């Protein structure tokens, strides 16, 4: 009986330590973030200028919005792991079908990730775009 109690105590201690070692859920630092965005069209050896976006992020709204000439919808994709943040992008219009997927890793006051997008239009062959995101926490959101 004494061994059974010791074994149960050891098992409960091991379970508590294992639970404490599990990764915490994804939680970006809430506030204003600045992202440098670089992009390229796959298969086209042309360089495009980087641009910056600033956006207030919170745990409930953590997806940075890249610029396109049409409005984009961003749908979070919740996987089994808290990192990276994954989402689906739809920037389709009447002229073209634009879908993609983004991923972003937050590490304290820094973030990095990318968005892969496929552009399908009636007048052009399919085109792949890649947006690279490098972000940093700036501070509190303006009132």
C-alpha atoms as a PDB file:
ATOM      1  CA  UNK A   1       0.000   0.000   0.000  1.00  0.00           C
ATOM      2  CA  UNK A   2       2.850   2.335   0.863  1.00  0.00           C
ATOM      3  CA  UNK A   3       4.344   1.768  -2.642  1.00  0.00           C
ATOM      4  CA  UNK A   4       0.994   2.447  -4.298  1.00  0.00           C
ATOM      5  CA  UNK A   5       0.663   5.800  -2.522  1.00  0.00           C
ATOM      6  CA  UNK A   6       4.249   6.725  -3.450  1.00  0.00           C
ATOM      7  CA  UNK A   7       3.624   5.755  -7.080  1.00  0.00           C
ATOM      8  CA  UNK A   8       0.421   7.829  -7.209  1.00  0.00           C
ATOM      9  CA  UNK A   9       2.232  10.813  -5.675  1.00  0.00           C
ATOM     10  CA  UNK A  10       5.034  10.490  -8.225  1.00  0.00           C
ATOM     11  CA  UNK A  11       2.529  10.185 -11.079  1.00  0.00           C
ATOM     12  CA  UNK A  12       0.599  13.286  -9.976  1.00  0.00           C
ATOM     13  CA  UNK A  13       3.847  15.283  -9.608  1.00  0.00           C
ATOM     14  CA  UNK A  14       5.003  14.180 -13.075  1.00  0.00           C
ATOM     15  CA  UNK A  15       1.624  15.108 -14.575  1.00  0.00           C
ATOM     16  CA  UNK A  16       1.749  18.554 -12.954  1.00  0.00           C
ATOM     17  CA  UNK A  17       5.269  19.177 -14.304  1.00  0.00           C
ATOM     18  CA  UNK A  18       4.261  18.018 -17.783  1.00  0.00           C
ATOM     19  CA  UNK A  19       1.237  20.328 -17.750  1.00  0.00           C
ATOM     20  CA  UNK A  20       3.426  23.264 -16.710  1.00  0.00           C
ATOM     21  CA  UNK A  21       5.859  22.561 -19.581  1.00  0.00           C
ATOM     22  CA  UNK A  22       3.165  22.677 -22.288  1.00  0.00           C
ATOM     23  CA  UNK A  23       3.331  25.719 -24.571  1.00  0.00           C
ATOM     24  CA  UNK A  24       1.006  28.571 -23.697  1.00  0.00           C
ATOM     25  CA  UNK A  25      -1.694  29.526 -26.210  1.00  0.00           C
ATOM     26  CA  UNK A  26      -0.817  32.077 -28.896  1.00  0.00           C
ATOM     27  CA  UNK A  27      -1.023  35.553 -27.413  1.00  0.00           C
ATOM     28  CA  UNK A  28       0.582  38.486 -29.269  1.00  0.00           C
ATOM     29  CA  UNK A  29       1.539  41.514 -27.247  1.00  0.00           C
ATOM     30  CA  UNK A  30      -1.515  43.758 -27.466  1.00  0.00           C
ATOM     31  CA  UNK A  31      -0.861  47.145 -29.041  1.00  0.00           C
ATOM     32  CA  UNK A  32       0.507  48.849 -32.140  1.00  0.00           C
ATOM     33  CA  UNK A  33       2.694  46.754 -34.449  1.00  0.00           C
ATOM     34  CA  UNK A  34       4.729  47.901 -37.460  1.00  0.00           C
ATOM     35  CA  UNK A  35       5.305  45.400 -40.271  1.00  0.00           C
ATOM     36  CA  UNK A  36       7.752  45.731 -43.138  1.00  0.00           C
ATOM     37  CA  UNK A  37       6.258  43.903 -46.114  1.00  0.00           C
ATOM     38  CA  UNK A  38       8.295  42.719 -49.066  1.00  0.00           C
ATOM     39  CA  UNK A  39       6.757  40.798 -51.926  1.00  0.00           C
ATOM     40  CA  UNK A  40       7.618  39.079 -55.136  1.00  0.00           C
ATOM     41  CA  UNK A  41       5.825  37.430 -58.005  1.00  0.00           C
ATOM     42  CA  UNK A  42       7.109  33.905 -58.483  1.00  0.00           C
ATOM     43  CA  UNK A  43       8.870  33.437 -61.831  1.00  0.00           C
ATOM     44  CA  UNK A  44       9.289  37.159 -62.495  1.00  0.00           C
ATOM     45  CA  UNK A  45      12.784  38.555 -61.826  1.00  0.00           C
ATOM     46  CA  UNK A  46      11.516  41.992 -60.862  1.00  0.00           C
ATOM     47  CA  UNK A  47      12.091  43.701 -57.518  1.00  0.00           C
ATOM     48  CA  UNK A  48       9.296  45.582 -55.804  1.00  0.00           C
ATOM     49  CA  UNK A  49       9.679  48.223 -53.119  1.00  0.00           C
ATOM     50  CA  UNK A  50       9.069  47.193 -49.535  1.00  0.00           C
ATOM     51  CA  UNK A  51       6.326  49.003 -47.690  1.00  0.00           C
ATOM     52  CA  UNK A  52       5.278  49.336 -44.067  1.00  0.00           C
ATOM     53  CA  UNK A  53       1.943  48.915 -42.370  1.00  0.00           C
ATOM     54  CA  UNK A  54       0.971  49.770 -38.824  1.00  0.00           C
ATOM     55  CA  UNK A  55      -1.897  47.994 -37.174  1.00  0.00           C
ATOM     56  CA  UNK A  56      -3.236  47.534 -33.680  1.00  0.00           C
ATOM     57  CA  UNK A  57      -3.215  43.833 -32.817  1.00  0.00           C
ATOM     58  CA  UNK A  58      -4.811  41.930 -29.971  1.00  0.00           C
ATOM     59  CA  UNK A  59      -5.291  38.251 -29.157  1.00  0.00           C
ATOM     60  CA  UNK A  60      -8.728  38.402 -30.785  1.00  0.00           C
ATOM     61  CA  UNK A  61      -7.514  40.324 -33.882  1.00  0.00           C
ATOM     62  CA  UNK A  62      -3.896  39.301 -34.523  1.00  0.00           C
ATOM     63  CA  UNK A  63      -3.768  39.073 -38.337  1.00  0.00           C
ATOM     64  CA  UNK A  64      -1.847  41.828 -40.156  1.00  0.00           C
ATOM     65  CA  UNK A  65      -3.640  43.063 -43.265  1.00  0.00           C
ATOM     66  CA  UNK A  66      -1.523  43.276 -46.409  1.00  0.00           C
ATOM     67  CA  UNK A  67      -2.389  45.824 -49.090  1.00  0.00           C
ATOM     68  CA  UNK A  68      -4.060  44.863 -52.347  1.00  0.00           C
ATOM     69  CA  UNK A  69      -6.165  46.872 -54.761  1.00  0.00           C
ATOM     70  CA  UNK A  70      -9.248  45.003 -53.528  1.00  0.00           C
ATOM     71  CA  UNK A  71     -10.643  44.414 -50.060  1.00  0.00           C
ATOM     72  CA  UNK A  72      -9.385  41.187 -48.463  1.00  0.00           C
ATOM     73  CA  UNK A  73     -11.042  38.937 -45.922  1.00  0.00           C
ATOM     74  CA  UNK A  74      -8.884  37.122 -43.364  1.00  0.00           C
ATOM     75  CA  UNK A  75     -10.147  33.938 -41.709  1.00  0.00           C
ATOM     76  CA  UNK A  76      -8.115  32.463 -38.846  1.00  0.00           C
ATOM     77  CA  UNK A  77      -7.234  28.791 -39.128  1.00  0.00           C
ATOM     78  CA  UNK A  78      -6.944  27.172 -35.717  1.00  0.00           C
ATOM     79  CA  UNK A  79      -4.621  24.203 -35.758  1.00  0.00           C
ATOM     80  CA  UNK A  80      -3.372  21.939 -33.027  1.00  0.00           C
ATOM     81  CA  UNK A  81      -0.352  24.094 -32.193  1.00  0.00           C
ATOM     82  CA  UNK A  82      -0.560  27.674 -30.919  1.00  0.00           C
ATOM     83  CA  UNK A  83       2.358  28.761 -33.108  1.00  0.00           C
ATOM     84  CA  UNK A  84       2.398  29.853 -35.826  1.00  0.00           C
ATOM     85  CA  UNK A  85      -0.745  31.902 -36.287  1.00  0.00           C
ATOM     86  CA  UNK A  86      -2.371  30.633 -39.504  1.00  0.00           C
ATOM     87  CA  UNK A  87      -5.076  32.255 -41.615  1.00  0.00           C
ATOM     88  CA  UNK A  88      -6.741  32.101 -45.016  1.00  0.00           C
ATOM     89  CA  UNK A  89      -6.887  35.167 -47.264  1.00  0.00           C
ATOM     90  CA  UNK A  90      -9.458  35.935 -49.957  1.00  0.00           C
ATOM     91  CA  UNK A  91      -8.893  39.078 -52.056  1.00  0.00           C
ATOM     92  CA  UNK A  92     -11.074  38.049 -54.987  1.00  0.00           C
ATOM     93  CA  UNK A  93     -12.882  40.550 -57.178  1.00  0.00           C
ATOM     94  CA  UNK A  94     -15.028  40.408 -60.313  1.00  0.00           C
ATOM     95  CA  UNK A  95     -11.851  40.393 -62.448  1.00  0.00           C
ATOM     96  CA  UNK A  96      -9.740  37.822 -60.593  1.00  0.00           C
ATOM     97  CA  UNK A  97      -9.768  35.030 -58.037  1.00  0.00           C
ATOM     98  CA  UNK A  98      -7.140  35.564 -55.315  1.00  0.00           C
ATOM     99  CA  UNK A  99      -6.724  33.073 -52.466  1.00  0.00           C
ATOM    100  CA  UNK A 100      -3.892  32.387 -50.092  1.00  0.00           C
ATOM    101  CA  UNK A 101      -2.667  31.364 -46.693  1.00  0.00           C
ATOM    102  CA  UNK A 102      -0.619  33.291 -44.159  1.00  0.00           C
ATOM    103  CA  UNK A 103       1.445  32.291 -41.183  1.00  0.00           C
ATOM    104  CA  UNK A 104       3.075  34.406 -38.526  1.00  0.00           C
ATOM    105  CA  UNK A 105       5.322  33.656 -35.558  1.00  0.00           C
ATOM    106  CA  UNK A 106       5.247  36.073 -32.609  1.00  0.00           C
ATOM    107  CA  UNK A 107       8.235  36.082 -30.256  1.00  0.00           C
ATOM    108  CA  UNK A 108       7.847  38.740 -27.580  1.00  0.00           C
ATOM    109  CA  UNK A 109       8.024  42.105 -29.327  1.00  0.00           C
ATOM    110  CA  UNK A 110       9.027  40.655 -32.735  1.00  0.00           C
ATOM    111  CA  UNK A 111       7.127  38.773 -35.434  1.00  0.00           C
ATOM    112  CA  UNK A 112       7.960  37.202 -38.778  1.00  0.00           C
ATOM    113  CA  UNK A 113       6.013  35.235 -41.351  1.00  0.00           C
ATOM    114  CA  UNK A 114       4.691  35.127 -44.885  1.00  0.00           C
ATOM    115  CA  UNK A 115       1.585  35.014 -47.021  1.00  0.00           C
ATOM    116  CA  UNK A 116       1.405  32.829 -50.127  1.00  0.00           C
ATOM    117  CA  UNK A 117      -1.254  33.857 -52.643  1.00  0.00           C
ATOM    118  CA  UNK A 118      -2.460  32.436 -55.961  1.00  0.00           C
ATOM    119  CA  UNK A 119      -3.955  34.833 -58.524  1.00  0.00           C
ATOM    120  CA  UNK A 120      -6.252  33.455 -61.238  1.00  0.00           C
ATOM    121  CA  UNK A 121      -7.555  35.812 -63.919  1.00  0.00           C
ATOM    122  CA  UNK A 122      -9.270  35.174 -67.252  1.00  0.00           C
ATOM    123  CA  UNK A 123      -6.743  37.273 -69.174  1.00  0.00           C
ATOM    124  CA  UNK A 124      -3.455  36.032 -67.619  1.00  0.00           C
ATOM    125  CA  UNK A 125      -1.851  32.719 -66.669  1.00  0.00           C
ATOM    126  CA  UNK A 126      -1.996  31.764 -62.955  1.00  0.00           C
ATOM    127  CA  UNK A 127       0.394  33.782 -60.853  1.00  0.00           C
ATOM    128  CA  UNK A 128       1.889  33.086 -57.413  1.00  0.00           C
ATOM    129  CA  UNK A 129       2.796  35.880 -54.988  1.00  0.00           C
ATOM    130  CA  UNK A 130       4.748  35.716 -51.751  1.00  0.00           C
ATOM    131  CA  UNK A 131       4.597  38.430 -49.099  1.00  0.00           C
ATOM    132  CA  UNK A 132       7.299  38.360 -46.391  1.00  0.00           C
ATOM    133  CA  UNK A 133       6.386  40.033 -43.085  1.00  0.00           C
ATOM    134  CA  UNK A 134       8.814  41.317 -40.450  1.00  0.00           C
ATOM    135  CA  UNK A 135       7.139  43.026 -37.524  1.00  0.00           C
ATOM    136  CA  UNK A 136       7.925  44.669 -34.250  1.00  0.00           C
ATOM    137  CA  UNK A 137       5.876  45.961 -31.365  1.00  0.00           C
ATOM    138  CA  UNK A 138       5.759  49.784 -31.325  1.00  0.00           C
ATOM    139  CA  UNK A 139       3.711  50.539 -28.201  1.00  0.00           C
ATOM    140  CA  UNK A 140       0.182  51.193 -27.095  1.00  0.00           C
ATOM    141  CA  UNK A 141      -2.493  51.787 -29.714  1.00  0.00           C
ATOM    142  CA  UNK A 142      -3.460  55.425 -30.253  1.00  0.00           C
ATOM    143  CA  UNK A 143      -6.729  56.391 -28.665  1.00  0.00           C
END
